[in-house]
Amino acid sequence: MKRVVLFALLMFFSISLFSQERTALEISNAAIEKKNPIDAIKYIQAEVERVEIPAEKRALYAFLGNLQEMTALYGDARDSYAKAAAIAANDVEGMPKKSNERLVIDAVRCALCSGEGELALHYLNSAVRNSKSMEIQAEVRLYEQWAVLINAENADEIEEPLSILEAYLNISSMKSVRQSILLTLWYVSGEKKFAETLVNDYPSSMEAAVVTGKAFVMPSPFWYFVPRKKNSEIVSASTKKSNAPSETVSAVHDETVQTGNSIATDSQTEKPLKQQLGLFRDETNAKNFAARVRQKGFECKIQSETRSSGTTYYIVTVDENSDGTIGLQLKDAGFECYPLY
C-alpha cells in the first residue's frame, strides 16, 4: 500500500512540474521587458535550454533568431533558425507562425548576411529546394545566386549570376522577389536601367527608396561581400527626381568600386577603429544628427570626404573603445552603425 501511495505522489509531482514549464509566449514576453536587446537575447538563451516541449522550444528558437537578426547578430540568428527548423513540431498559440521551410530560408538569409555563401548553399540543398510554395521556390533561386555572388573573387565571376538574375525578371514565378532582384542588379552592375525600373514599377518600395537615396541599407547584408563592376554609377542611379529631401546616403551609394577582390577582406578579423553612423550630403543635417548622438552620451566626429564625382559627403563617426563594444552600445541606444577599419 505504501508503495502505491509513494508511486502516486511521484506521479503527482511529475505532472505538477511538467505543467509548470514556462511557455514560449511567457518567456518571450518576459524577454521584451528587459532593458535592451542584448539582455533579452541572453535571457532567452538561458531559458530555452530548460524548455522540454518541442513545439515551445521551436517557437522560442524562432523568436530568438528574429531578435538576433534584428540586432545584426547574423551568425547567432542563423544557428537559432536552423535549430528551430530541425524540430518537427507545430506552431504554438500566441507566437508567430512559421513553417520549417520558412525557418530554413531565414537561416539562409542570415548565412548570406554573414558572408557565408557555401553554408547558404548547403542549407538550400536541403528539402527546402523541393518546396511546393512558389514564394519559397523564388527565394531559393534568388538566394542561390546571392550565394554565388558572395563566393565570387573578382568582377569576371559575377557575370553569370547577373545574367541569371536578369533572366529571372521576366519569369512570372519570380514575381515575389522581383524588387530584390532589381536592387541586386543595380547595386552590382551599376546600370541605371534597373534603378529606373524599380522607381517606375515599385515607387513606394524600400528598394526604390534605396536607389534614390531616401533610405539606406546597412552594411551587413550580402552585397558588401560582392565584387562590383568598374565605372559603376552608384549615386543618383534614378533619373526620376523627388521633391522630398534626402538626408542620409547609404554605404550602398559609395562610389568606390571594388575590383579584382571581394569586399570581404582581412579587415573582418581586425579590430575596427571607429563606427560610422551616417553619411550626409548636407553639412547641417550631419551636425544635427551628431548633436542627437552626443545627447545620448557618445563622443562623435564629423569628417568630410569628396568623391570622384565632385560631391562632398559628411560622415558621422564614433571612435571604437578598448573593449570593441561601442557598436553594440550605439545599437542599444537606437543608432545603426557599421565598423570602419
C-alpha atoms as a PDB file:
ATOM      1  CA  MET A   1       0.000   0.000   0.000  1.00  0.00           C
ATOM      2  CA  LYS A   2       2.854   2.365   0.901  1.00  0.00           C
ATOM      3  CA  ARG A   3       4.459   1.697  -2.469  1.00  0.00           C
ATOM      4  CA  VAL A   4       1.210   2.572  -4.254  1.00  0.00           C
ATOM      5  CA  VAL A   5       0.918   5.829  -2.299  1.00  0.00           C
ATOM      6  CA  LEU A   6       4.568   6.691  -2.992  1.00  0.00           C
ATOM      7  CA  PHE A   7       4.129   5.994  -6.698  1.00  0.00           C
ATOM      8  CA  ALA A   8       1.008   8.146  -6.806  1.00  0.00           C
ATOM      9  CA  LEU A   9       2.834  11.010  -5.093  1.00  0.00           C
ATOM     10  CA  LEU A  10       5.738  10.785  -7.530  1.00  0.00           C
ATOM     11  CA  MET A  11       3.334  10.865 -10.459  1.00  0.00           C
ATOM     12  CA  PHE A  12       1.555  13.879  -8.963  1.00  0.00           C
ATOM     13  CA  PHE A  13       4.770  15.842  -8.512  1.00  0.00           C
ATOM     14  CA  SER A  14       5.957  14.918 -12.029  1.00  0.00           C
ATOM     15  CA  ILE A  15       2.718  16.150 -13.549  1.00  0.00           C
ATOM     16  CA  SER A  16       2.881  19.332 -11.471  1.00  0.00           C
ATOM     17  CA  LEU A  17       6.427  20.097 -12.586  1.00  0.00           C
ATOM     18  CA  PHE A  18       5.571  19.412 -16.220  1.00  0.00           C
ATOM     19  CA  SER A  19       2.505  21.638 -16.084  1.00  0.00           C
ATOM     20  CA  GLN A  20       4.569  24.469 -14.595  1.00  0.00           C
ATOM     21  CA  GLU A  21       7.005  24.578 -17.514  1.00  0.00           C
ATOM     22  CA  ARG A  22       7.000  28.065 -18.964  1.00  0.00           C
ATOM     23  CA  THR A  23       5.722  28.562 -22.477  1.00  0.00           C
ATOM     24  CA  ALA A  24       7.494  30.285 -25.339  1.00  0.00           C
ATOM     25  CA  LEU A  25       4.977  33.120 -25.110  1.00  0.00           C
ATOM     26  CA  GLU A  26       5.681  33.676 -21.410  1.00  0.00           C
ATOM     27  CA  ILE A  27       9.443  33.633 -21.943  1.00  0.00           C
ATOM     28  CA  SER A  28       9.330  35.939 -24.975  1.00  0.00           C
ATOM     29  CA  ASN A  29       7.080  38.413 -23.133  1.00  0.00           C
ATOM     30  CA  ALA A  30       9.480  38.429 -20.183  1.00  0.00           C
ATOM     31  CA  ALA A  31      12.402  38.991 -22.583  1.00  0.00           C
ATOM     32  CA  ILE A  32      10.712  42.024 -24.092  1.00  0.00           C
ATOM     33  CA  GLU A  33      10.666  43.620 -20.641  1.00  0.00           C
ATOM     34  CA  LYS A  34      14.475  43.572 -20.455  1.00  0.00           C
ATOM     35  CA  LYS A  35      16.273  46.910 -20.684  1.00  0.00           C
ATOM     36  CA  ASN A  36      17.989  46.190 -24.014  1.00  0.00           C
ATOM     37  CA  PRO A  37      18.048  43.564 -26.822  1.00  0.00           C
ATOM     38  CA  ILE A  38      21.321  42.003 -25.649  1.00  0.00           C
ATOM     39  CA  ASP A  39      19.890  41.260 -22.215  1.00  0.00           C
ATOM     40  CA  ALA A  40      16.744  39.879 -23.843  1.00  0.00           C
ATOM     41  CA  ILE A  41      18.818  37.557 -26.025  1.00  0.00           C
ATOM     42  CA  LYS A  42      20.869  36.295 -23.081  1.00  0.00           C
ATOM     43  CA  TYR A  43      17.690  35.687 -21.109  1.00  0.00           C
ATOM     44  CA  ILE A  44      16.079  33.622 -23.860  1.00  0.00           C
ATOM     45  CA  GLN A  45      19.288  31.659 -24.464  1.00  0.00           C
ATOM     46  CA  ALA A  46      19.243  30.609 -20.814  1.00  0.00           C
ATOM     47  CA  GLU A  47      15.529  29.803 -20.742  1.00  0.00           C
ATOM     48  CA  VAL A  48      15.317  27.861 -23.995  1.00  0.00           C
ATOM     49  CA  GLU A  49      17.598  25.172 -22.588  1.00  0.00           C
ATOM     50  CA  ARG A  50      15.006  24.436 -19.888  1.00  0.00           C
ATOM     51  CA  VAL A  51      12.112  24.061 -22.322  1.00  0.00           C
ATOM     52  CA  GLU A  52      11.202  20.421 -22.998  1.00  0.00           C
ATOM     53  CA  ILE A  53       8.071  20.619 -25.149  1.00  0.00           C
ATOM     54  CA  PRO A  54       9.256  20.519 -28.800  1.00  0.00           C
ATOM     55  CA  ALA A  55       6.686  22.992 -30.141  1.00  0.00           C
ATOM     56  CA  GLU A  56       7.503  25.538 -27.421  1.00  0.00           C
ATOM     57  CA  LYS A  57      11.247  25.086 -27.960  1.00  0.00           C
ATOM     58  CA  ARG A  58      10.846  25.502 -31.714  1.00  0.00           C
ATOM     59  CA  ALA A  59       8.805  28.704 -31.299  1.00  0.00           C
ATOM     60  CA  LEU A  60      11.317  30.131 -28.843  1.00  0.00           C
ATOM     61  CA  TYR A  61      14.305  29.419 -31.103  1.00  0.00           C
ATOM     62  CA  ALA A  62      12.461  31.100 -33.980  1.00  0.00           C
ATOM     63  CA  PHE A  63      11.739  34.151 -31.801  1.00  0.00           C
ATOM     64  CA  LEU A  64      15.352  34.232 -30.619  1.00  0.00           C
ATOM     65  CA  GLY A  65      16.600  34.083 -34.206  1.00  0.00           C
ATOM     66  CA  ASN A  66      14.412  37.025 -35.162  1.00  0.00           C
ATOM     67  CA  LEU A  67      15.690  39.089 -32.249  1.00  0.00           C
ATOM     68  CA  GLN A  68      19.313  38.218 -33.024  1.00  0.00           C
ATOM     69  CA  GLU A  69      18.830  39.094 -36.682  1.00  0.00           C
ATOM     70  CA  MET A  70      17.367  42.493 -35.807  1.00  0.00           C
ATOM     71  CA  THR A  71      20.406  43.092 -33.589  1.00  0.00           C
ATOM     72  CA  ALA A  72      22.716  42.197 -36.509  1.00  0.00           C
ATOM     73  CA  LEU A  73      23.987  39.048 -34.764  1.00  0.00           C
ATOM     74  CA  TYR A  74      23.646  37.140 -38.007  1.00  0.00           C
ATOM     75  CA  GLY A  75      25.757  34.116 -37.113  1.00  0.00           C
ATOM     76  CA  ASP A  76      23.800  33.543 -33.909  1.00  0.00           C
ATOM     77  CA  ALA A  77      20.494  34.136 -35.703  1.00  0.00           C
ATOM     78  CA  ARG A  78      21.446  31.609 -38.369  1.00  0.00           C
ATOM     79  CA  ASP A  79      22.072  28.969 -35.722  1.00  0.00           C
ATOM     80  CA  SER A  80      18.821  29.718 -33.895  1.00  0.00           C
ATOM     81  CA  TYR A  81      16.751  29.488 -37.077  1.00  0.00           C
ATOM     82  CA  ALA A  82      18.484  26.248 -38.016  1.00  0.00           C
ATOM     83  CA  LYS A  83      17.770  24.748 -34.583  1.00  0.00           C
ATOM     84  CA  ALA A  84      14.113  25.742 -34.877  1.00  0.00           C
ATOM     85  CA  ALA A  85      13.863  24.239 -38.366  1.00  0.00           C
ATOM     86  CA  ALA A  86      15.324  20.955 -37.114  1.00  0.00           C
ATOM     87  CA  ILE A  87      12.476  20.474 -34.620  1.00  0.00           C
ATOM     88  CA  ALA A  88       9.474  18.625 -36.036  1.00  0.00           C
ATOM     89  CA  ALA A  89       6.584  20.332 -34.257  1.00  0.00           C
ATOM     90  CA  ASN A  90       3.591  22.554 -34.883  1.00  0.00           C
ATOM     91  CA  ASP A  91       3.224  26.267 -34.175  1.00  0.00           C
ATOM     92  CA  VAL A  92       2.155  27.310 -30.688  1.00  0.00           C
ATOM     93  CA  GLU A  93      -0.584  29.699 -29.682  1.00  0.00           C
ATOM     94  CA  GLY A  94       0.409  33.342 -29.357  1.00  0.00           C
ATOM     95  CA  MET A  95       3.717  33.016 -31.201  1.00  0.00           C
ATOM     96  CA  PRO A  96       4.481  33.892 -34.851  1.00  0.00           C
ATOM     97  CA  LYS A  97       3.585  31.062 -37.207  1.00  0.00           C
ATOM     98  CA  LYS A  98       6.388  29.815 -39.433  1.00  0.00           C
ATOM     99  CA  SER A  99       6.828  26.674 -41.460  1.00  0.00           C
ATOM    100  CA  ASN A 100      10.092  24.757 -41.200  1.00  0.00           C
ATOM    101  CA  GLU A 101      10.775  25.711 -44.818  1.00  0.00           C
ATOM    102  CA  ARG A 102      10.472  29.375 -43.907  1.00  0.00           C
ATOM    103  CA  LEU A 103      12.832  28.866 -40.971  1.00  0.00           C
ATOM    104  CA  VAL A 104      15.407  27.314 -43.316  1.00  0.00           C
ATOM    105  CA  ILE A 105      15.081  30.330 -45.612  1.00  0.00           C
ATOM    106  CA  ASP A 106      15.618  32.572 -42.580  1.00  0.00           C
ATOM    107  CA  ALA A 107      18.795  30.639 -41.757  1.00  0.00           C
ATOM    108  CA  VAL A 108      19.973  31.021 -45.362  1.00  0.00           C
ATOM    109  CA  ARG A 109      19.384  34.764 -45.277  1.00  0.00           C
ATOM    110  CA  CYS A 110      21.439  35.129 -42.105  1.00  0.00           C
ATOM    111  CA  ALA A 111      24.222  32.987 -43.547  1.00  0.00           C
ATOM    112  CA  LEU A 112      24.304  35.320 -46.546  1.00  0.00           C
ATOM    113  CA  CYS A 113      24.406  38.371 -44.278  1.00  0.00           C
ATOM    114  CA  SER A 114      27.444  36.813 -42.593  1.00  0.00           C
ATOM    115  CA  GLY A 115      29.123  36.308 -45.970  1.00  0.00           C
ATOM    116  CA  GLU A 116      28.859  32.519 -45.704  1.00  0.00           C
ATOM    117  CA  GLY A 117      27.989  31.615 -49.274  1.00  0.00           C
ATOM    118  CA  GLU A 118      28.929  27.948 -49.036  1.00  0.00           C
ATOM    119  CA  LEU A 119      26.881  27.407 -45.899  1.00  0.00           C
ATOM    120  CA  ALA A 120      23.915  29.170 -47.511  1.00  0.00           C
ATOM    121  CA  LEU A 121      24.130  26.777 -50.465  1.00  0.00           C
ATOM    122  CA  HIS A 122      24.315  23.840 -48.062  1.00  0.00           C
ATOM    123  CA  TYR A 123      21.054  24.919 -46.437  1.00  0.00           C
ATOM    124  CA  LEU A 124      19.442  25.489 -49.836  1.00  0.00           C
ATOM    125  CA  ASN A 125      20.316  21.962 -50.906  1.00  0.00           C
ATOM    126  CA  SER A 126      18.093  20.560 -48.163  1.00  0.00           C
ATOM    127  CA  ALA A 127      14.430  19.581 -48.526  1.00  0.00           C
ATOM    128  CA  VAL A 128      13.523  23.253 -48.957  1.00  0.00           C
ATOM    129  CA  ARG A 129      14.583  23.005 -52.612  1.00  0.00           C
ATOM    130  CA  ASN A 130      11.558  20.761 -53.231  1.00  0.00           C
ATOM    131  CA  SER A 131       9.093  23.143 -51.612  1.00  0.00           C
ATOM    132  CA  LYS A 132       5.612  23.324 -53.091  1.00  0.00           C
ATOM    133  CA  SER A 133       5.392  27.012 -52.198  1.00  0.00           C
ATOM    134  CA  MET A 134       6.021  29.287 -55.174  1.00  0.00           C
ATOM    135  CA  GLU A 135       7.322  32.047 -52.898  1.00  0.00           C
ATOM    136  CA  ILE A 136       9.782  29.714 -51.178  1.00  0.00           C
ATOM    137  CA  GLN A 137      10.983  28.439 -54.556  1.00  0.00           C
ATOM    138  CA  ALA A 138      11.505  32.019 -55.738  1.00  0.00           C
ATOM    139  CA  GLU A 139      13.585  32.811 -52.667  1.00  0.00           C
ATOM    140  CA  VAL A 140      15.602  29.621 -53.094  1.00  0.00           C
ATOM    141  CA  ARG A 141      16.532  30.648 -56.650  1.00  0.00           C
ATOM    142  CA  LEU A 142      17.336  34.217 -55.622  1.00  0.00           C
ATOM    143  CA  TYR A 143      19.400  33.241 -52.585  1.00  0.00           C
ATOM    144  CA  GLU A 144      21.275  30.696 -54.651  1.00  0.00           C
ATOM    145  CA  GLN A 145      22.519  33.460 -56.944  1.00  0.00           C
ATOM    146  CA  TRP A 146      23.298  35.663 -53.969  1.00  0.00           C
ATOM    147  CA  ALA A 147      25.477  32.858 -52.613  1.00  0.00           C
ATOM    148  CA  VAL A 148      27.291  32.648 -55.961  1.00  0.00           C
ATOM    149  CA  LEU A 149      27.882  36.414 -55.861  1.00  0.00           C
ATOM    150  CA  ILE A 150      29.325  36.153 -52.367  1.00  0.00           C
ATOM    151  CA  ASN A 151      31.684  33.406 -53.460  1.00  0.00           C
ATOM    152  CA  ALA A 152      32.897  35.406 -56.474  1.00  0.00           C
ATOM    153  CA  GLU A 153      36.516  36.501 -56.169  1.00  0.00           C
ATOM    154  CA  ASN A 154      36.575  39.060 -58.953  1.00  0.00           C
ATOM    155  CA  ALA A 155      34.317  41.007 -61.299  1.00  0.00           C
ATOM    156  CA  ASP A 156      34.525  38.372 -64.041  1.00  0.00           C
ATOM    157  CA  GLU A 157      32.860  35.799 -61.811  1.00  0.00           C
ATOM    158  CA  ILE A 158      29.737  37.896 -61.310  1.00  0.00           C
ATOM    159  CA  GLU A 159      28.731  37.849 -64.985  1.00  0.00           C
ATOM    160  CA  GLU A 160      26.899  34.507 -64.897  1.00  0.00           C
ATOM    161  CA  PRO A 161      24.798  35.155 -61.771  1.00  0.00           C
ATOM    162  CA  LEU A 162      23.918  38.621 -63.078  1.00  0.00           C
ATOM    163  CA  SER A 163      22.738  37.090 -66.366  1.00  0.00           C
ATOM    164  CA  ILE A 164      20.619  34.558 -64.494  1.00  0.00           C
ATOM    165  CA  LEU A 165      19.105  37.228 -62.261  1.00  0.00           C
ATOM    166  CA  GLU A 166      18.267  39.406 -65.242  1.00  0.00           C
ATOM    167  CA  ALA A 167      16.531  36.448 -66.887  1.00  0.00           C
ATOM    168  CA  TYR A 168      14.501  35.942 -63.696  1.00  0.00           C
ATOM    169  CA  LEU A 169      12.978  39.409 -64.142  1.00  0.00           C
ATOM    170  CA  ASN A 170      10.755  38.054 -66.919  1.00  0.00           C
ATOM    171  CA  ILE A 171       9.680  34.844 -65.174  1.00  0.00           C
ATOM    172  CA  SER A 172       6.265  35.051 -63.524  1.00  0.00           C
ATOM    173  CA  SER A 173       7.164  32.605 -60.753  1.00  0.00           C
ATOM    174  CA  MET A 174       9.877  35.033 -59.588  1.00  0.00           C
ATOM    175  CA  LYS A 175       7.498  37.976 -59.244  1.00  0.00           C
ATOM    176  CA  SER A 176       7.526  37.876 -55.429  1.00  0.00           C
ATOM    177  CA  VAL A 177      11.266  38.669 -55.318  1.00  0.00           C
ATOM    178  CA  ARG A 178      11.473  40.925 -58.381  1.00  0.00           C
ATOM    179  CA  GLN A 179      12.221  44.035 -56.325  1.00  0.00           C
ATOM    180  CA  SER A 180      15.144  42.315 -54.625  1.00  0.00           C
ATOM    181  CA  ILE A 181      16.453  41.155 -57.993  1.00  0.00           C
ATOM    182  CA  LEU A 182      16.319  44.668 -59.423  1.00  0.00           C
ATOM    183  CA  LEU A 183      18.107  46.112 -56.411  1.00  0.00           C
ATOM    184  CA  THR A 184      20.817  43.454 -56.675  1.00  0.00           C
ATOM    185  CA  LEU A 185      21.321  44.047 -60.391  1.00  0.00           C
ATOM    186  CA  TRP A 186      21.538  47.791 -59.888  1.00  0.00           C
ATOM    187  CA  TYR A 187      23.958  47.593 -56.989  1.00  0.00           C
ATOM    188  CA  VAL A 188      26.339  45.052 -58.533  1.00  0.00           C
ATOM    189  CA  SER A 189      26.258  46.265 -62.154  1.00  0.00           C
ATOM    190  CA  GLY A 190      25.655  49.974 -61.561  1.00  0.00           C
ATOM    191  CA  GLU A 191      23.307  50.109 -64.576  1.00  0.00           C
ATOM    192  CA  LYS A 192      20.676  52.833 -64.248  1.00  0.00           C
ATOM    193  CA  LYS A 193      18.023  50.870 -66.098  1.00  0.00           C
ATOM    194  CA  PHE A 194      17.476  48.626 -63.088  1.00  0.00           C
ATOM    195  CA  ALA A 195      17.103  51.598 -60.744  1.00  0.00           C
ATOM    196  CA  GLU A 196      14.697  53.251 -63.162  1.00  0.00           C
ATOM    197  CA  THR A 197      12.576  50.110 -63.344  1.00  0.00           C
ATOM    198  CA  LEU A 198      12.457  49.931 -59.560  1.00  0.00           C
ATOM    199  CA  VAL A 199      11.309  53.529 -59.245  1.00  0.00           C
ATOM    200  CA  ASN A 200       8.765  53.226 -62.065  1.00  0.00           C
ATOM    201  CA  ASP A 201       7.293  49.822 -61.134  1.00  0.00           C
ATOM    202  CA  TYR A 202       7.615  49.949 -57.337  1.00  0.00           C
ATOM    203  CA  PRO A 203       7.704  53.665 -56.411  1.00  0.00           C
ATOM    204  CA  SER A 204       6.676  53.077 -52.780  1.00  0.00           C
ATOM    205  CA  SER A 205       9.060  50.196 -52.104  1.00  0.00           C
ATOM    206  CA  MET A 206      12.057  50.305 -49.797  1.00  0.00           C
ATOM    207  CA  GLU A 207      14.198  49.139 -52.710  1.00  0.00           C
ATOM    208  CA  ALA A 208      13.209  52.240 -54.682  1.00  0.00           C
ATOM    209  CA  ALA A 209      13.957  54.384 -51.645  1.00  0.00           C
ATOM    210  CA  VAL A 210      17.452  52.907 -51.507  1.00  0.00           C
ATOM    211  CA  VAL A 211      18.349  53.697 -55.110  1.00  0.00           C
ATOM    212  CA  THR A 212      17.015  57.261 -54.810  1.00  0.00           C
ATOM    213  CA  GLY A 213      18.895  57.876 -51.581  1.00  0.00           C
ATOM    214  CA  LYS A 214      15.850  58.265 -49.323  1.00  0.00           C
ATOM    215  CA  ALA A 215      16.738  55.130 -47.363  1.00  0.00           C
ATOM    216  CA  PHE A 216      19.900  53.218 -46.723  1.00  0.00           C
ATOM    217  CA  VAL A 217      20.904  49.598 -46.456  1.00  0.00           C
ATOM    218  CA  MET A 218      23.044  48.570 -43.511  1.00  0.00           C
ATOM    219  CA  PRO A 219      26.488  47.200 -44.364  1.00  0.00           C
ATOM    220  CA  SER A 220      25.926  43.682 -43.057  1.00  0.00           C
ATOM    221  CA  PRO A 221      23.822  42.287 -45.930  1.00  0.00           C
ATOM    222  CA  PHE A 222      25.435  40.135 -48.551  1.00  0.00           C
ATOM    223  CA  TRP A 223      26.301  42.713 -51.219  1.00  0.00           C
ATOM    224  CA  TYR A 224      29.048  44.195 -49.091  1.00  0.00           C
ATOM    225  CA  PHE A 225      30.968  40.989 -49.796  1.00  0.00           C
ATOM    226  CA  VAL A 226      30.365  41.109 -53.562  1.00  0.00           C
ATOM    227  CA  PRO A 227      32.752  42.424 -56.254  1.00  0.00           C
ATOM    228  CA  ARG A 228      31.246  45.159 -58.419  1.00  0.00           C
ATOM    229  CA  LYS A 229      31.806  46.281 -61.980  1.00  0.00           C
ATOM    230  CA  LYS A 230      34.177  49.098 -62.870  1.00  0.00           C
ATOM    231  CA  ASN A 231      32.874  52.593 -63.568  1.00  0.00           C
ATOM    232  CA  SER A 232      29.530  51.832 -61.949  1.00  0.00           C
ATOM    233  CA  GLU A 233      27.393  54.896 -61.369  1.00  0.00           C
ATOM    234  CA  ILE A 234      26.106  54.148 -57.906  1.00  0.00           C
ATOM    235  CA  VAL A 235      24.936  57.513 -56.618  1.00  0.00           C
ATOM    236  CA  SER A 236      21.774  59.072 -58.083  1.00  0.00           C
ATOM    237  CA  ALA A 237      21.004  55.958 -60.046  1.00  0.00           C
ATOM    238  CA  SER A 238      17.453  57.029 -60.815  1.00  0.00           C
ATOM    239  CA  THR A 239      16.648  59.706 -63.348  1.00  0.00           C
ATOM    240  CA  LYS A 240      13.335  60.309 -61.634  1.00  0.00           C
ATOM    241  CA  LYS A 241      13.684  63.210 -59.187  1.00  0.00           C
ATOM    242  CA  SER A 242      11.786  63.652 -55.961  1.00  0.00           C
ATOM    243  CA  ASN A 243      10.779  66.862 -54.211  1.00  0.00           C
ATOM    244  CA  ALA A 244      11.446  65.242 -50.842  1.00  0.00           C
ATOM    245  CA  PRO A 245      14.915  65.991 -49.430  1.00  0.00           C
ATOM    246  CA  SER A 246      17.243  63.059 -48.972  1.00  0.00           C
ATOM    247  CA  GLU A 247      19.136  63.407 -45.720  1.00  0.00           C
ATOM    248  CA  THR A 248      21.083  60.193 -45.493  1.00  0.00           C
ATOM    249  CA  VAL A 249      23.051  58.273 -48.055  1.00  0.00           C
ATOM    250  CA  SER A 250      23.812  54.614 -47.530  1.00  0.00           C
ATOM    251  CA  ALA A 251      27.151  52.986 -47.991  1.00  0.00           C
ATOM    252  CA  VAL A 252      25.279  51.280 -50.822  1.00  0.00           C
ATOM    253  CA  HIS A 253      25.780  54.521 -52.738  1.00  0.00           C
ATOM    254  CA  ASP A 254      29.534  54.608 -52.149  1.00  0.00           C
ATOM    255  CA  GLU A 255      31.202  55.410 -55.456  1.00  0.00           C
ATOM    256  CA  THR A 256      34.330  53.454 -54.577  1.00  0.00           C
ATOM    257  CA  VAL A 257      34.094  50.280 -56.672  1.00  0.00           C
ATOM    258  CA  GLN A 258      35.808  47.067 -55.646  1.00  0.00           C
ATOM    259  CA  THR A 259      37.637  45.313 -58.472  1.00  0.00           C
ATOM    260  CA  GLY A 260      39.699  42.161 -58.532  1.00  0.00           C
ATOM    261  CA  ASN A 261      38.906  41.176 -54.942  1.00  0.00           C
ATOM    262  CA  SER A 262      35.834  40.543 -52.868  1.00  0.00           C
ATOM    263  CA  ILE A 263      34.848  43.249 -50.436  1.00  0.00           C
ATOM    264  CA  ALA A 264      35.251  40.599 -47.738  1.00  0.00           C
ATOM    265  CA  THR A 265      38.840  41.247 -46.648  1.00  0.00           C
ATOM    266  CA  ASP A 266      41.097  40.596 -43.724  1.00  0.00           C
ATOM    267  CA  SER A 267      39.591  43.654 -42.050  1.00  0.00           C
ATOM    268  CA  GLN A 268      36.734  41.431 -40.900  1.00  0.00           C
ATOM    269  CA  THR A 269      39.071  39.855 -38.339  1.00  0.00           C
ATOM    270  CA  GLU A 270      40.768  43.111 -37.320  1.00  0.00           C
ATOM    271  CA  LYS A 271      39.568  45.421 -34.602  1.00  0.00           C
ATOM    272  CA  PRO A 272      37.610  48.369 -36.052  1.00  0.00           C
ATOM    273  CA  LEU A 273      38.977  51.865 -35.458  1.00  0.00           C
ATOM    274  CA  LYS A 274      35.585  53.551 -35.416  1.00  0.00           C
ATOM    275  CA  GLN A 275      31.883  53.088 -36.137  1.00  0.00           C
ATOM    276  CA  GLN A 276      30.150  55.025 -38.913  1.00  0.00           C
ATOM    277  CA  LEU A 277      26.624  56.154 -38.069  1.00  0.00           C
ATOM    278  CA  GLY A 278      25.664  58.262 -41.053  1.00  0.00           C
ATOM    279  CA  LEU A 279      26.796  59.824 -44.300  1.00  0.00           C
ATOM    280  CA  PHE A 280      25.209  63.098 -45.427  1.00  0.00           C
ATOM    281  CA  ARG A 281      25.293  65.376 -48.448  1.00  0.00           C
ATOM    282  CA  ASP A 282      24.253  68.362 -46.331  1.00  0.00           C
ATOM    283  CA  GLU A 283      26.616  69.509 -43.562  1.00  0.00           C
ATOM    284  CA  THR A 284      23.783  70.940 -41.475  1.00  0.00           C
ATOM    285  CA  ASN A 285      21.996  67.587 -41.445  1.00  0.00           C
ATOM    286  CA  ALA A 286      25.234  65.936 -40.356  1.00  0.00           C
ATOM    287  CA  LYS A 287      25.642  68.432 -37.489  1.00  0.00           C
ATOM    288  CA  ASN A 288      22.034  67.932 -36.369  1.00  0.00           C
ATOM    289  CA  PHE A 289      22.475  64.176 -36.380  1.00  0.00           C
ATOM    290  CA  ALA A 290      25.771  64.451 -34.483  1.00  0.00           C
ATOM    291  CA  ALA A 291      24.016  66.522 -31.840  1.00  0.00           C
ATOM    292  CA  ARG A 292      21.492  63.714 -31.326  1.00  0.00           C
ATOM    293  CA  VAL A 293      24.329  61.225 -30.924  1.00  0.00           C
ATOM    294  CA  ARG A 294      26.067  63.426 -28.350  1.00  0.00           C
ATOM    295  CA  GLN A 295      22.817  63.768 -26.391  1.00  0.00           C
ATOM    296  CA  LYS A 296      22.974  60.003 -25.900  1.00  0.00           C
ATOM    297  CA  GLY A 297      26.414  60.322 -24.317  1.00  0.00           C
ATOM    298  CA  PHE A 298      28.667  59.438 -27.262  1.00  0.00           C
ATOM    299  CA  GLU A 299      31.640  61.465 -28.457  1.00  0.00           C
ATOM    300  CA  CYS A 300      31.236  61.687 -32.224  1.00  0.00           C
ATOM    301  CA  LYS A 301      33.118  63.388 -35.025  1.00  0.00           C
ATOM    302  CA  ILE A 302      32.209  64.725 -38.453  1.00  0.00           C
ATOM    303  CA  GLN A 303      34.687  64.267 -41.276  1.00  0.00           C
ATOM    304  CA  SER A 304      34.267  65.390 -44.876  1.00  0.00           C
ATOM    305  CA  GLU A 305      35.131  63.378 -47.955  1.00  0.00           C
ATOM    306  CA  THR A 306      34.980  64.491 -51.582  1.00  0.00           C
ATOM    307  CA  ARG A 307      34.267  61.685 -54.040  1.00  0.00           C
ATOM    308  CA  SER A 308      35.405  61.375 -57.650  1.00  0.00           C
ATOM    309  CA  SER A 309      32.081  62.840 -58.794  1.00  0.00           C
ATOM    310  CA  GLY A 310      32.971  66.093 -57.011  1.00  0.00           C
ATOM    311  CA  THR A 311      30.287  65.616 -54.360  1.00  0.00           C
ATOM    312  CA  THR A 312      31.343  66.204 -50.757  1.00  0.00           C
ATOM    313  CA  TYR A 313      29.891  63.969 -48.059  1.00  0.00           C
ATOM    314  CA  TYR A 314      29.897  64.479 -44.301  1.00  0.00           C
ATOM    315  CA  ILE A 315      30.495  61.325 -42.279  1.00  0.00           C
ATOM    316  CA  VAL A 316      29.467  60.967 -38.638  1.00  0.00           C
ATOM    317  CA  THR A 317      31.674  58.521 -36.704  1.00  0.00           C
ATOM    318  CA  VAL A 318      32.339  57.383 -33.132  1.00  0.00           C
ATOM    319  CA  ASP A 319      35.761  56.004 -32.158  1.00  0.00           C
ATOM    320  CA  GLU A 320      35.814  52.359 -31.088  1.00  0.00           C
ATOM    321  CA  ASN A 321      36.564  51.708 -27.409  1.00  0.00           C
ATOM    322  CA  SER A 322      39.228  49.394 -25.993  1.00  0.00           C
ATOM    323  CA  ASP A 323      36.687  46.603 -25.435  1.00  0.00           C
ATOM    324  CA  GLY A 324      35.405  46.754 -29.010  1.00  0.00           C
ATOM    325  CA  THR A 325      31.813  47.128 -27.773  1.00  0.00           C
ATOM    326  CA  ILE A 326      30.944  50.634 -28.944  1.00  0.00           C
ATOM    327  CA  GLY A 327      28.935  49.235 -31.864  1.00  0.00           C
ATOM    328  CA  LEU A 328      26.630  47.307 -29.531  1.00  0.00           C
ATOM    329  CA  GLN A 329      26.284  50.349 -27.278  1.00  0.00           C
ATOM    330  CA  LEU A 330      25.283  52.512 -30.229  1.00  0.00           C
ATOM    331  CA  LYS A 331      22.701  49.956 -31.369  1.00  0.00           C
ATOM    332  CA  ASP A 332      21.306  49.714 -27.837  1.00  0.00           C
ATOM    333  CA  ALA A 333      20.907  53.499 -27.953  1.00  0.00           C
ATOM    334  CA  GLY A 334      18.958  53.232 -31.202  1.00  0.00           C
ATOM    335  CA  PHE A 335      21.682  54.100 -33.729  1.00  0.00           C
ATOM    336  CA  GLU A 336      22.530  51.866 -36.672  1.00  0.00           C
ATOM    337  CA  CYS A 337      26.235  51.740 -37.428  1.00  0.00           C
ATOM    338  CA  TYR A 338      28.945  49.746 -39.155  1.00  0.00           C
ATOM    339  CA  PRO A 339      32.677  49.356 -38.460  1.00  0.00           C
ATOM    340  CA  LEU A 340      35.478  51.218 -40.198  1.00  0.00           C
ATOM    341  CA  TYR A 341      38.952  49.679 -40.186  1.00  0.00           C
END
